[in-house]
Protein backbone atom coordinates (compact mmCIF):
# COMPACT_ATOMS: atom_id res chain seq x y z
CA MET A 1 130.94 -80.32 188.25
CA HIS A 2 131.77 -82.20 191.78
CA SER A 3 130.98 -80.68 195.12
CA GLY A 4 134.68 -80.19 195.91
CA TRP A 5 135.12 -77.75 193.57
CA CYS A 6 131.71 -75.48 194.43
CA LEU A 7 132.63 -75.80 198.27
CA ARG A 8 136.09 -74.30 197.78
CA ARG A 9 134.22 -71.58 195.88
CA VAL A 10 133.37 -70.22 199.28
CA GLY A 11 136.08 -68.05 200.24
CA ALA A 12 137.90 -68.26 196.37
CA ILE A 13 134.80 -66.45 194.75
CA PHE A 14 133.71 -63.85 197.37
CA LEU A 15 137.96 -62.67 197.26
CA GLY A 16 137.10 -62.81 193.32
CA LEU A 17 134.12 -60.78 193.58
CA LEU A 18 136.13 -57.94 195.13
CA LEU A 19 138.75 -58.27 193.46
CA ALA A 20 136.13 -58.07 190.03
CA SER A 21 133.91 -55.35 192.20
CA GLY A 22 136.60 -52.55 192.61
CA VAL A 23 138.45 -52.32 189.28
CA LEU A 24 137.45 -48.88 188.73
CA ARG A 25 140.97 -46.82 189.00
CA SER A 26 140.55 -43.92 186.69
CA GLU A 27 141.64 -40.92 186.43
CA ALA A 28 138.50 -39.06 188.11
CA SER A 29 139.52 -37.47 190.89
CA LEU A 30 139.35 -39.19 194.87
CA ALA A 31 136.15 -37.86 196.51
CA SER A 32 136.29 -35.29 198.96
CA GLY A 33 138.67 -35.87 202.86
CA GLY A 34 135.21 -36.24 204.31
CA GLU A 35 134.28 -38.91 202.08
CA THR A 36 137.23 -40.65 202.22
CA ASP A 37 136.99 -40.87 206.05
CA HIS A 38 133.54 -42.49 206.08
CA ILE A 39 135.01 -45.11 203.63
CA PHE A 40 138.19 -45.80 205.70
CA ARG A 41 136.37 -45.29 209.32
CA THR A 42 138.25 -47.21 211.81
CA GLY A 43 135.97 -50.45 213.05
CA GLU A 44 133.89 -50.63 210.18
CA ARG A 45 132.91 -54.21 209.68
CA LEU A 46 130.80 -55.34 207.12
CA VAL A 47 128.92 -59.48 207.38
CA PHE A 48 128.21 -61.16 204.27
CA ASP A 49 125.71 -64.01 203.90
CA VAL A 50 127.42 -66.34 201.11
CA THR A 51 124.84 -68.38 199.11
CA TRP A 52 124.83 -71.26 196.41
CA MET A 53 121.85 -72.04 194.32
CA GLY A 54 119.56 -70.44 197.70
CA ILE A 55 121.93 -72.58 199.92
CA LYS A 56 124.01 -70.82 202.61
CA ALA A 57 127.58 -71.82 202.01
CA GLY A 58 129.24 -69.58 204.17
CA GLN A 59 129.82 -66.47 205.90
CA ALA A 60 132.42 -63.58 205.00
CA THR A 61 133.50 -60.03 206.28
CA LEU A 62 135.66 -56.99 205.70
CA GLU A 63 137.32 -54.90 208.08
CA SER A 64 138.51 -51.57 208.39
CA ARG A 65 141.50 -51.71 211.01
CA GLY A 66 142.20 -48.10 211.19
CA VAL A 67 145.91 -46.87 210.09
CA VAL A 68 148.65 -48.97 211.11
CA GLN A 69 152.87 -47.49 210.22
CA LEU A 70 154.10 -50.08 207.85
CA ASN A 71 158.34 -50.00 207.74
CA GLY A 72 157.66 -46.36 208.40
CA THR A 73 154.96 -45.60 206.47
CA PRO A 74 151.05 -44.79 207.25
CA ALA A 75 148.92 -47.78 205.78
CA TYR A 76 145.12 -48.32 206.15
CA HIS A 77 144.96 -51.97 207.57
CA LEU A 78 141.70 -53.88 205.42
CA VAL A 79 140.69 -57.39 206.65
CA THR A 80 138.41 -59.72 204.62
CA THR A 81 137.56 -63.70 206.18
CA ALA A 82 135.50 -66.49 204.43
CA GLN A 83 134.13 -69.18 206.58
CA SER A 84 132.34 -72.34 205.40
CA ALA A 85 128.64 -72.89 207.21
CA PRO A 86 128.45 -75.08 209.84
CA LEU A 87 127.00 -78.15 208.04
CA ILE A 88 128.93 -77.27 205.36
CA SER A 89 132.07 -77.29 207.47
CA GLN A 90 131.75 -80.89 208.64
CA PHE A 91 133.12 -82.09 205.26
CA TYR A 92 134.58 -79.38 203.88
CA ARG A 93 136.21 -76.33 206.01
CA VAL A 94 137.16 -73.34 204.20
CA GLU A 95 138.70 -70.29 206.71
CA ASP A 96 140.36 -67.82 204.81
CA ARG A 97 141.80 -64.19 205.41
CA SER A 98 143.63 -61.73 203.94
CA ASP A 99 145.35 -58.74 205.00
CA SER A 100 146.04 -55.94 202.55
CA TYR A 101 147.83 -52.41 203.66
CA LEU A 102 147.29 -49.55 201.43
CA GLY A 103 149.55 -46.58 201.24
CA LEU A 104 147.56 -43.25 202.45
CA SER A 105 149.00 -41.06 199.54
CA PRO A 106 148.93 -42.00 197.17
CA LEU A 107 146.30 -44.99 197.49
CA ARG A 108 148.29 -47.83 196.51
CA SER A 109 149.00 -51.21 197.93
CA LEU A 110 152.08 -52.00 200.07
CA GLN A 111 151.55 -55.17 201.05
CA PHE A 112 148.85 -58.28 201.15
CA ASP A 113 149.17 -60.84 202.84
CA LYS A 114 147.02 -64.56 202.44
CA GLN A 115 146.27 -67.49 204.49
CA LEU A 116 143.79 -69.82 202.96
CA ARG A 117 142.33 -72.77 204.39
CA GLU A 118 139.74 -75.01 201.97
CA GLY A 119 139.10 -78.64 202.80
CA ARG A 120 142.77 -80.34 202.34
CA TYR A 121 144.07 -77.32 200.69
CA ARG A 122 147.06 -74.42 202.58
CA HIS A 123 148.36 -71.41 201.41
CA ASN A 124 150.52 -68.66 203.54
CA SER A 125 151.61 -66.24 201.18
CA GLN A 126 152.66 -62.38 201.65
CA THR A 127 153.06 -60.31 198.78
CA THR A 128 154.97 -56.56 198.85
CA PHE A 129 154.70 -53.98 196.33
CA ASN A 130 157.98 -51.96 195.79
CA HIS A 131 156.36 -49.24 193.27
CA GLU A 132 159.56 -47.01 193.22
CA GLY A 133 161.48 -50.24 192.02
CA LYS A 134 158.08 -51.28 190.09
CA VAL A 135 158.86 -54.81 191.75
CA ALA A 136 156.58 -57.16 193.35
CA THR A 137 158.14 -59.86 195.87
CA PHE A 138 155.78 -62.90 196.67
CA ARG A 139 156.46 -64.50 199.54
CA TYR A 140 154.67 -68.36 200.20
CA LEU A 141 155.07 -71.13 202.60
CA ASP A 142 156.00 -74.46 200.33
CA PHE A 143 153.00 -77.16 201.72
CA SER A 144 154.22 -79.65 199.33
CA PRO A 145 156.44 -82.00 202.18
CA VAL A 146 154.00 -80.53 205.00
CA PRO A 147 151.95 -84.05 206.12
CA LYS A 148 148.15 -83.20 205.78
CA ALA A 149 147.89 -84.28 209.89
CA VAL A 150 149.66 -80.68 210.44
CA SER A 151 147.37 -78.32 211.75
CA THR A 152 149.31 -75.03 212.43
CA LEU A 153 151.27 -72.73 210.73
CA GLN A 154 153.94 -73.13 213.17
CA GLU A 155 154.05 -76.72 213.28
CA ALA A 156 154.14 -76.85 209.02
CA GLU A 157 157.45 -74.27 209.42
CA LYS A 158 159.22 -77.11 210.90
CA TYR A 159 158.77 -79.72 207.93
CA THR A 160 158.87 -76.81 205.19
CA ARG A 161 160.74 -73.48 203.60
CA TYR A 162 159.39 -70.17 202.79
CA VAL A 163 160.45 -69.48 198.82
CA SER A 164 160.26 -65.61 197.43
CA GLU A 165 159.55 -64.56 193.49
CA GLU A 166 159.97 -61.31 192.14
CA PHE A 167 157.52 -59.61 189.44
CA PRO A 168 156.73 -57.12 187.95
CA LEU A 169 154.61 -54.27 188.91
CA SER A 170 152.31 -51.96 187.18
CA ALA A 171 152.61 -48.25 188.61
CA GLY A 172 150.16 -47.79 191.12
CA ALA A 173 149.06 -50.96 191.12
CA LEU A 174 145.98 -52.23 193.96
CA ASP A 175 145.66 -55.80 195.38
CA GLU A 176 142.88 -57.45 195.36
CA LEU A 177 141.29 -55.94 198.73
CA SER A 178 142.27 -52.81 198.45
CA VAL A 179 140.87 -52.02 195.25
CA LEU A 180 136.96 -52.69 196.72
CA TYR A 181 138.32 -49.57 199.17
CA TYR A 182 139.22 -47.43 196.68
CA VAL A 183 136.29 -48.11 194.23
CA ARG A 184 134.30 -46.89 197.27
CA THR A 185 136.39 -43.48 196.85
CA LEU A 186 135.48 -42.62 193.32
CA PRO A 187 131.77 -40.82 191.56
CA LEU A 188 130.30 -43.63 189.96
CA ILE A 189 129.16 -41.94 186.52
CA GLU A 190 126.14 -44.36 184.93
CA GLY A 191 126.97 -45.25 181.53
CA ARG A 192 131.12 -44.83 181.88
CA THR A 193 133.47 -47.53 181.45
CA LEU A 194 136.85 -47.52 183.61
CA LEU A 195 140.32 -49.25 183.46
CA ALA A 196 142.39 -50.17 186.21
CA LYS A 197 145.74 -52.21 187.30
CA VAL A 198 145.78 -54.64 189.57
CA PHE A 199 148.59 -57.21 191.08
CA ALA A 200 147.17 -60.41 192.10
CA GLY A 201 147.98 -64.21 191.79
CA LYS A 202 151.73 -63.20 189.98
CA LYS A 203 150.21 -61.40 187.65
CA ASN A 204 149.28 -57.30 186.57
CA TRP A 205 145.63 -57.94 185.65
CA ASP A 206 144.20 -55.66 182.91
CA LEU A 207 140.56 -54.69 184.40
CA GLU A 208 137.66 -52.80 183.34
CA VAL A 209 134.61 -52.20 184.52
CA LYS A 210 131.20 -50.80 183.87
CA VAL A 211 129.00 -48.47 185.39
CA LEU A 212 125.63 -49.52 184.57
CA ARG A 213 122.56 -47.96 186.55
CA ARG A 214 120.89 -47.01 189.82
CA GLU A 215 118.73 -49.05 191.51
CA THR A 216 116.71 -49.17 194.77
CA LEU A 217 116.83 -52.00 197.20
CA GLU A 218 115.49 -53.56 200.39
CA THR A 219 119.11 -54.00 202.19
CA VAL A 220 119.67 -54.44 206.03
CA LEU A 221 120.17 -50.81 206.31
CA GLY A 222 116.92 -50.14 204.61
CA ALA A 223 115.36 -49.16 201.57
CA ARG A 224 118.69 -47.52 199.53
CA GLU A 225 119.32 -46.22 196.15
CA THR A 226 122.20 -48.07 194.77
CA VAL A 227 124.72 -48.25 191.61
CA LEU A 228 125.30 -51.42 189.83
CA VAL A 229 128.19 -52.21 188.21
CA GLU A 230 129.89 -55.00 185.79
CA PRO A 231 133.55 -55.58 186.26
CA LEU A 232 134.55 -57.29 182.50
CA LEU A 233 137.85 -59.59 182.93
CA LYS A 234 139.54 -59.72 179.58
CA PHE A 235 142.32 -61.82 180.07
CA GLU A 236 142.87 -65.54 181.23
CA GLY A 237 143.45 -66.66 184.57
CA ILE A 238 142.33 -67.53 188.03
CA PHE A 239 139.64 -65.11 187.81
CA GLN A 240 138.17 -65.75 184.34
CA GLN A 241 134.69 -64.67 183.97
CA LYS A 242 132.44 -67.19 182.60
CA GLY A 243 128.74 -65.51 183.90
CA ARG A 244 128.11 -62.25 184.63
CA VAL A 245 129.58 -60.52 187.95
CA LEU A 246 127.25 -57.96 189.08
CA VAL A 247 128.22 -55.51 192.54
CA TRP A 248 125.59 -53.10 193.77
CA LEU A 249 127.32 -50.51 196.13
CA THR A 250 125.22 -47.96 197.83
CA HIS A 251 124.41 -44.17 196.09
CA ASP A 252 125.65 -42.26 198.85
CA ALA A 253 128.87 -41.09 200.15
CA GLU A 254 129.95 -44.45 202.29
CA ARG A 255 129.76 -46.71 198.60
CA ILE A 256 128.42 -49.78 200.74
CA PRO A 257 128.75 -52.76 199.18
CA VAL A 258 125.27 -54.49 200.06
CA LEU A 259 125.07 -57.25 197.28
CA MET A 260 127.18 -58.92 195.07
CA LYS A 261 126.64 -61.46 192.10
CA SER A 262 128.52 -63.88 189.99
CA GLU A 263 127.77 -66.68 187.51
CA ILE A 264 129.67 -70.00 187.95
CA LYS A 265 129.22 -73.43 185.60
CA ILE A 266 126.36 -74.42 188.09
CA GLY A 267 124.20 -71.69 189.36
CA SER A 268 125.61 -68.50 191.08
CA PHE A 269 126.61 -67.39 194.42
CA VAL A 270 124.88 -64.19 196.08
CA SER A 271 126.77 -62.67 199.05
CA THR A 272 124.43 -60.26 200.86
CA LEU A 273 125.19 -57.94 203.26
CA THR A 274 123.45 -58.83 206.85
CA ARG A 275 125.40 -56.66 209.23
CA ARG A 276 127.48 -53.39 209.19
CA GLU A 277 129.28 -52.32 212.23
CA VAL A 278 130.64 -49.40 212.89
CA GLY A 279 133.35 -48.24 215.92
CA PRO A 280 136.68 -48.53 217.18
CA VAL A 281 138.73 -51.62 217.14
CA GLN A 282 139.37 -53.24 220.17
CA GLY A 283 142.95 -55.00 220.22
CA ALA A 284 144.22 -54.06 217.39
CA GLU A 285 147.18 -56.15 216.14
CA LYS A 286 150.39 -55.12 216.35
CA PRO A 287 152.20 -53.16 213.14
CA ALA A 288 152.60 -55.65 210.08
CA GLU A 289 156.03 -55.39 209.94
CA THR A 290 156.20 -57.68 213.00
CA ARG A 291 153.58 -60.15 211.36
CA VAL A 292 154.82 -63.22 209.52
CA PRO A 293 152.74 -64.66 206.19
């Protein structure tokens, strides 16, 4: 497998881990309101180092930006980013960002924005979730006629157009980012296998996860008891599982992801929590309805 493919996984594997690690939608009730407040705490920022075969490939973040109004509906604004390390960026730059808007009651995805810059690959899209109509609308920018030298979204829009497509939507579906936050609200019982529905990549995904066992790990937060979960992907697609995916969440009210591992054909990717910040977000963005995908 050539090096370009491996480097492109810096962003994609991390987002795949987020998709895989949060697949625990079940009949279990949500945690108490206080615990939910811990999980969706405004200003929480988790920073991860992403390594491949022991080499630092990049850095990724998870952020909770607080509650915003999305077309009159209150929603949690969640953000994840992935960026290649300086050495990697010299010949293959990765700058990815995804924004998720998660409805408060019930917890279900309302909108998911994705912006990817991975080498020469470019992607801008927005998915809106119409749960009452059971339809997901996927709107994306067609980059095929855009010259490779164009570097900004505003300039790219002069050469191309947005395309909209509609797809069936499973009831209560989550997106690939919000599902990780959702799982942090659930009780994780050792030995249980739980199911989930997630809409991602123009499809409804059938996901299954095993709650394996508790383990004590040395983390940047100190020694923590964790819950180890293993997602099992029962479908073919961009996140088809070729090896094991393992995720460690702290066994407390906050359910902080401290370690994630994913096997690929050559080696494995490891995302390790290196910093956690909690506090108010300064200069928060305008409500989502004013943003362009």
